[in-house]
Amino acid sequence: MAINIPVLVGVVPLFKVQTYVVTEGYKSAAIPGSSFVQMVGLMTKTITIDALLVGLERALRPALEALAQNPFLNTVLGAVGSAIATAESVVGVPVVSKNFIHLDMQITQLKFTQDNQSRDTLSVHIELASVPRAKKVGIIGAQADLLLAAGSAFF
């Protein structure tokens, strides 16, 4: 039986992720005097996560909401929240999965759904957008992502 490795959104572990989509948009520039176009860099990055919070995991909902409302972390979580908010001001909300590490994300949408068929399950839809911070942090995040991608190709 395989070990269930959670997706971490900030400090919140999501154990039952149904879909994890990373979308990257790139900027292109025309080369003067030529019909060729050159890709010059990453412009946008978004992550969409659909997960289930089952049973006691439903208690993680307020933590996800606190991550989305970064300025309110200090009042919600006290001193721990203040430390997390300070860290997020430098690196954003980190999103770590088996195949990706993204340090510069911010939650843009949270959607919680509960239906009559499974009352003990809360479905969560999370959308995150890249909010680039300091250039050094971005380089570290990109290097960590590449190392993880290279290592996970063999497992």
C-alpha atoms as a PDB file:
ATOM      1  CA  MET A   1       0.000   0.000   0.000  1.00  0.00           C
ATOM      2  CA  ALA A   2       1.362   3.412  -1.004  1.00  0.00           C
ATOM      3  CA  ILE A   3       1.922   6.117   1.586  1.00  0.00           C
ATOM      4  CA  ASN A   4      -0.463   9.054   1.223  1.00  0.00           C
ATOM      5  CA  ILE A   5       1.750  12.135   0.967  1.00  0.00           C
ATOM      6  CA  PRO A   6      -0.343  15.241   1.673  1.00  0.00           C
ATOM      7  CA  VAL A   7      -0.293  18.463  -0.291  1.00  0.00           C
ATOM      8  CA  LEU A   8       0.684  21.267   2.058  1.00  0.00           C
ATOM      9  CA  VAL A   9      -0.972  24.638   1.566  1.00  0.00           C
ATOM     10  CA  GLY A  10       0.901  26.788   4.053  1.00  0.00           C
ATOM     11  CA  VAL A  11       0.690  24.777   7.281  1.00  0.00           C
ATOM     12  CA  VAL A  12      -2.510  22.950   6.279  1.00  0.00           C
ATOM     13  CA  PRO A  13      -2.130  19.321   5.102  1.00  0.00           C
ATOM     14  CA  LEU A  14      -4.611  18.129   2.469  1.00  0.00           C
ATOM     15  CA  PHE A  15      -4.655  14.315   2.483  1.00  0.00           C
ATOM     16  CA  LYS A  16      -7.431  13.655  -0.034  1.00  0.00           C
ATOM     17  CA  VAL A  17      -6.545  15.784  -3.062  1.00  0.00           C
ATOM     18  CA  GLN A  18      -8.703  14.949  -6.071  1.00  0.00           C
ATOM     19  CA  THR A  19      -7.079  17.272  -8.626  1.00  0.00           C
ATOM     20  CA  TYR A  20      -3.966  19.461  -8.604  1.00  0.00           C
ATOM     21  CA  VAL A  21      -3.544  21.689 -11.656  1.00  0.00           C
ATOM     22  CA  VAL A  22      -0.611  24.050 -12.272  1.00  0.00           C
ATOM     23  CA  THR A  23      -1.083  26.538 -15.116  1.00  0.00           C
ATOM     24  CA  GLU A  24       1.850  28.615 -16.320  1.00  0.00           C
ATOM     25  CA  GLY A  25       1.665  31.476 -18.821  1.00  0.00           C
ATOM     26  CA  TYR A  26       4.742  32.732 -20.648  1.00  0.00           C
ATOM     27  CA  LYS A  27       5.573  36.087 -22.199  1.00  0.00           C
ATOM     28  CA  SER A  28       6.808  36.142 -25.754  1.00  0.00           C
ATOM     29  CA  ALA A  29       8.579  38.867 -27.668  1.00  0.00           C
ATOM     30  CA  ALA A  30       8.947  39.302 -31.398  1.00  0.00           C
ATOM     31  CA  ILE A  31      12.495  39.349 -32.703  1.00  0.00           C
ATOM     32  CA  PRO A  32      12.948  42.573 -34.730  1.00  0.00           C
ATOM     33  CA  GLY A  33      13.370  41.986 -38.453  1.00  0.00           C
ATOM     34  CA  SER A  34      12.314  38.349 -38.186  1.00  0.00           C
ATOM     35  CA  SER A  35       9.163  36.274 -38.212  1.00  0.00           C
ATOM     36  CA  PHE A  36      10.376  34.385 -35.118  1.00  0.00           C
ATOM     37  CA  VAL A  37       9.108  34.861 -31.583  1.00  0.00           C
ATOM     38  CA  GLN A  38      11.174  34.241 -28.468  1.00  0.00           C
ATOM     39  CA  MET A  39       9.830  33.161 -25.081  1.00  0.00           C
ATOM     40  CA  VAL A  40      11.236  35.606 -22.538  1.00  0.00           C
ATOM     41  CA  GLY A  41       9.890  34.407 -19.223  1.00  0.00           C
ATOM     42  CA  LEU A  42       7.189  33.168 -16.924  1.00  0.00           C
ATOM     43  CA  MET A  43       4.423  35.740 -16.542  1.00  0.00           C
ATOM     44  CA  THR A  44       1.631  34.001 -14.651  1.00  0.00           C
ATOM     45  CA  LYS A  45       1.320  30.897 -12.533  1.00  0.00           C
ATOM     46  CA  THR A  46      -1.889  29.603 -10.988  1.00  0.00           C
ATOM     47  CA  ILE A  47      -2.658  26.475  -8.995  1.00  0.00           C
ATOM     48  CA  THR A  48      -6.087  24.923  -8.629  1.00  0.00           C
ATOM     49  CA  ILE A  49      -6.613  22.261  -5.960  1.00  0.00           C
ATOM     50  CA  ASP A  50      -9.759  20.234  -5.358  1.00  0.00           C
ATOM     51  CA  ALA A  51      -9.676  18.207  -2.152  1.00  0.00           C
ATOM     52  CA  LEU A  52     -11.932  16.524   0.379  1.00  0.00           C
ATOM     53  CA  LEU A  53     -11.933  17.226   4.099  1.00  0.00           C
ATOM     54  CA  VAL A  54     -13.422  14.117   5.721  1.00  0.00           C
ATOM     55  CA  GLY A  55     -14.447  13.754   9.360  1.00  0.00           C
ATOM     56  CA  LEU A  56     -12.102  15.570  11.717  1.00  0.00           C
ATOM     57  CA  GLU A  57     -10.213  17.085   8.766  1.00  0.00           C
ATOM     58  CA  ARG A  58     -13.165  19.504   8.384  1.00  0.00           C
ATOM     59  CA  ALA A  59     -11.640  21.384  11.331  1.00  0.00           C
ATOM     60  CA  LEU A  60      -8.928  22.575   8.881  1.00  0.00           C
ATOM     61  CA  ARG A  61     -11.414  24.919   7.156  1.00  0.00           C
ATOM     62  CA  PRO A  62     -10.706  27.910   9.469  1.00  0.00           C
ATOM     63  CA  ALA A  63      -6.970  27.470   8.939  1.00  0.00           C
ATOM     64  CA  LEU A  64      -7.434  27.666   5.152  1.00  0.00           C
ATOM     65  CA  GLU A  65      -9.555  30.768   5.588  1.00  0.00           C
ATOM     66  CA  ALA A  66      -6.883  32.315   7.808  1.00  0.00           C
ATOM     67  CA  LEU A  67      -4.242  31.664   5.126  1.00  0.00           C
ATOM     68  CA  ALA A  68      -6.428  33.420   2.564  1.00  0.00           C
ATOM     69  CA  GLN A  69      -6.861  36.396   4.899  1.00  0.00           C
ATOM     70  CA  ASN A  70      -3.162  36.885   5.592  1.00  0.00           C
ATOM     71  CA  PRO A  71      -3.500  40.189   7.555  1.00  0.00           C
ATOM     72  CA  PHE A  72      -5.895  38.509   9.982  1.00  0.00           C
ATOM     73  CA  LEU A  73      -3.476  35.702  10.932  1.00  0.00           C
ATOM     74  CA  ASN A  74      -2.158  37.750  13.840  1.00  0.00           C
ATOM     75  CA  THR A  75      -5.567  38.016  15.489  1.00  0.00           C
ATOM     76  CA  VAL A  76      -6.708  34.476  14.669  1.00  0.00           C
ATOM     77  CA  LEU A  77      -3.616  32.549  15.721  1.00  0.00           C
ATOM     78  CA  GLY A  78      -1.862  34.967  18.099  1.00  0.00           C
ATOM     79  CA  ALA A  79       1.943  34.864  18.195  1.00  0.00           C
ATOM     80  CA  VAL A  80       2.123  31.813  15.899  1.00  0.00           C
ATOM     81  CA  GLY A  81      -0.089  33.638  13.403  1.00  0.00           C
ATOM     82  CA  SER A  82       2.158  36.685  13.575  1.00  0.00           C
ATOM     83  CA  ALA A  83       5.212  34.550  12.769  1.00  0.00           C
ATOM     84  CA  ILE A  84       3.398  32.866   9.875  1.00  0.00           C
ATOM     85  CA  ALA A  85       2.192  36.229   8.511  1.00  0.00           C
ATOM     86  CA  THR A  86       5.751  37.600   8.670  1.00  0.00           C
ATOM     87  CA  ALA A  87       7.101  34.570   6.811  1.00  0.00           C
ATOM     88  CA  GLU A  88       4.361  34.845   4.186  1.00  0.00           C
ATOM     89  CA  SER A  89       5.215  38.486   3.555  1.00  0.00           C
ATOM     90  CA  VAL A  90       8.616  37.251   2.379  1.00  0.00           C
ATOM     91  CA  VAL A  91       7.732  34.027   0.570  1.00  0.00           C
ATOM     92  CA  GLY A  92       3.934  33.976   0.180  1.00  0.00           C
ATOM     93  CA  VAL A  93       1.852  30.894   0.937  1.00  0.00           C
ATOM     94  CA  PRO A  94       4.027  27.856   0.229  1.00  0.00           C
ATOM     95  CA  VAL A  95       2.386  24.989  -1.655  1.00  0.00           C
ATOM     96  CA  VAL A  96       4.295  21.711  -1.462  1.00  0.00           C
ATOM     97  CA  SER A  97       3.300  18.469  -3.129  1.00  0.00           C
ATOM     98  CA  LYS A  98       5.083  15.323  -4.239  1.00  0.00           C
ATOM     99  CA  ASN A  99       5.995  16.911  -7.577  1.00  0.00           C
ATOM    100  CA  PHE A 100       6.058  20.675  -6.987  1.00  0.00           C
ATOM    101  CA  ILE A 101       7.278  23.336  -4.576  1.00  0.00           C
ATOM    102  CA  HIS A 102       5.806  26.823  -4.977  1.00  0.00           C
ATOM    103  CA  LEU A 103       6.820  29.407  -2.386  1.00  0.00           C
ATOM    104  CA  ASP A 104       5.262  32.562  -3.791  1.00  0.00           C
ATOM    105  CA  MET A 105       1.534  31.799  -3.925  1.00  0.00           C
ATOM    106  CA  GLN A 106      -1.489  33.653  -2.545  1.00  0.00           C
ATOM    107  CA  ILE A 107      -4.979  32.201  -2.153  1.00  0.00           C
ATOM    108  CA  THR A 108      -7.368  34.036  -4.489  1.00  0.00           C
ATOM    109  CA  GLN A 109     -10.467  31.868  -4.060  1.00  0.00           C
ATOM    110  CA  LEU A 110     -11.781  29.333  -1.566  1.00  0.00           C
ATOM    111  CA  LYS A 111     -14.991  27.398  -2.156  1.00  0.00           C
ATOM    112  CA  PHE A 112     -16.387  24.931   0.387  1.00  0.00           C
ATOM    113  CA  THR A 113     -19.201  22.570  -0.607  1.00  0.00           C
ATOM    114  CA  GLN A 114     -21.208  20.129   1.477  1.00  0.00           C
ATOM    115  CA  ASP A 115     -24.051  18.024   0.090  1.00  0.00           C
ATOM    116  CA  ASN A 116     -26.733  15.718   1.448  1.00  0.00           C
ATOM    117  CA  GLN A 117     -25.051  12.562   0.167  1.00  0.00           C
ATOM    118  CA  SER A 118     -21.957  12.850   2.347  1.00  0.00           C
ATOM    119  CA  ARG A 119     -22.605  15.085   5.332  1.00  0.00           C
ATOM    120  CA  ASP A 120     -19.295  14.271   7.031  1.00  0.00           C
ATOM    121  CA  THR A 121     -17.311  15.417   3.973  1.00  0.00           C
ATOM    122  CA  LEU A 122     -16.473  18.963   2.980  1.00  0.00           C
ATOM    123  CA  SER A 123     -15.295  19.530  -0.573  1.00  0.00           C
ATOM    124  CA  VAL A 124     -12.797  22.381  -0.936  1.00  0.00           C
ATOM    125  CA  HIS A 125     -11.784  24.183  -4.121  1.00  0.00           C
ATOM    126  CA  ILE A 126      -8.676  26.377  -3.757  1.00  0.00           C
ATOM    127  CA  GLU A 127      -7.303  28.758  -6.364  1.00  0.00           C
ATOM    128  CA  LEU A 128      -3.887  30.302  -5.849  1.00  0.00           C
ATOM    129  CA  ALA A 129      -1.972  32.841  -7.922  1.00  0.00           C
ATOM    130  CA  SER A 130       1.723  33.569  -7.999  1.00  0.00           C
ATOM    131  CA  VAL A 131       2.661  36.782  -6.218  1.00  0.00           C
ATOM    132  CA  PRO A 132       6.387  37.127  -6.842  1.00  0.00           C
ATOM    133  CA  ARG A 133       8.367  38.360  -3.865  1.00  0.00           C
ATOM    134  CA  ALA A 134      12.115  39.008  -3.621  1.00  0.00           C
ATOM    135  CA  LYS A 135      14.138  37.757  -6.587  1.00  0.00           C
ATOM    136  CA  LYS A 136      16.433  35.602  -4.394  1.00  0.00           C
ATOM    137  CA  VAL A 137      13.442  33.798  -2.873  1.00  0.00           C
ATOM    138  CA  GLY A 138      12.031  33.169  -6.369  1.00  0.00           C
ATOM    139  CA  ILE A 139      15.317  31.653  -7.501  1.00  0.00           C
ATOM    140  CA  ILE A 140      15.465  29.385  -4.424  1.00  0.00           C
ATOM    141  CA  GLY A 141      11.875  28.265  -5.042  1.00  0.00           C
ATOM    142  CA  ALA A 142      12.573  27.525  -8.710  1.00  0.00           C
ATOM    143  CA  GLN A 143      15.700  25.533  -7.818  1.00  0.00           C
ATOM    144  CA  ALA A 144      13.816  23.532  -5.171  1.00  0.00           C
ATOM    145  CA  ASP A 145      11.051  22.818  -7.697  1.00  0.00           C
ATOM    146  CA  LEU A 146      13.567  21.563 -10.272  1.00  0.00           C
ATOM    147  CA  LEU A 147      15.332  19.331  -7.734  1.00  0.00           C
ATOM    148  CA  LEU A 148      12.043  17.879  -6.565  1.00  0.00           C
ATOM    149  CA  ALA A 149      10.900  17.272 -10.150  1.00  0.00           C
ATOM    150  CA  ALA A 150      14.160  15.509 -10.985  1.00  0.00           C
ATOM    151  CA  GLY A 151      14.019  13.380  -7.859  1.00  0.00           C
ATOM    152  CA  SER A 152      10.328  12.473  -8.153  1.00  0.00           C
ATOM    153  CA  ALA A 153      10.815  11.222 -11.711  1.00  0.00           C
ATOM    154  CA  PHE A 154      12.426   8.116 -10.255  1.00  0.00           C
ATOM    155  CA  PHE A 155       9.784   7.342  -7.594  1.00  0.00           C
END
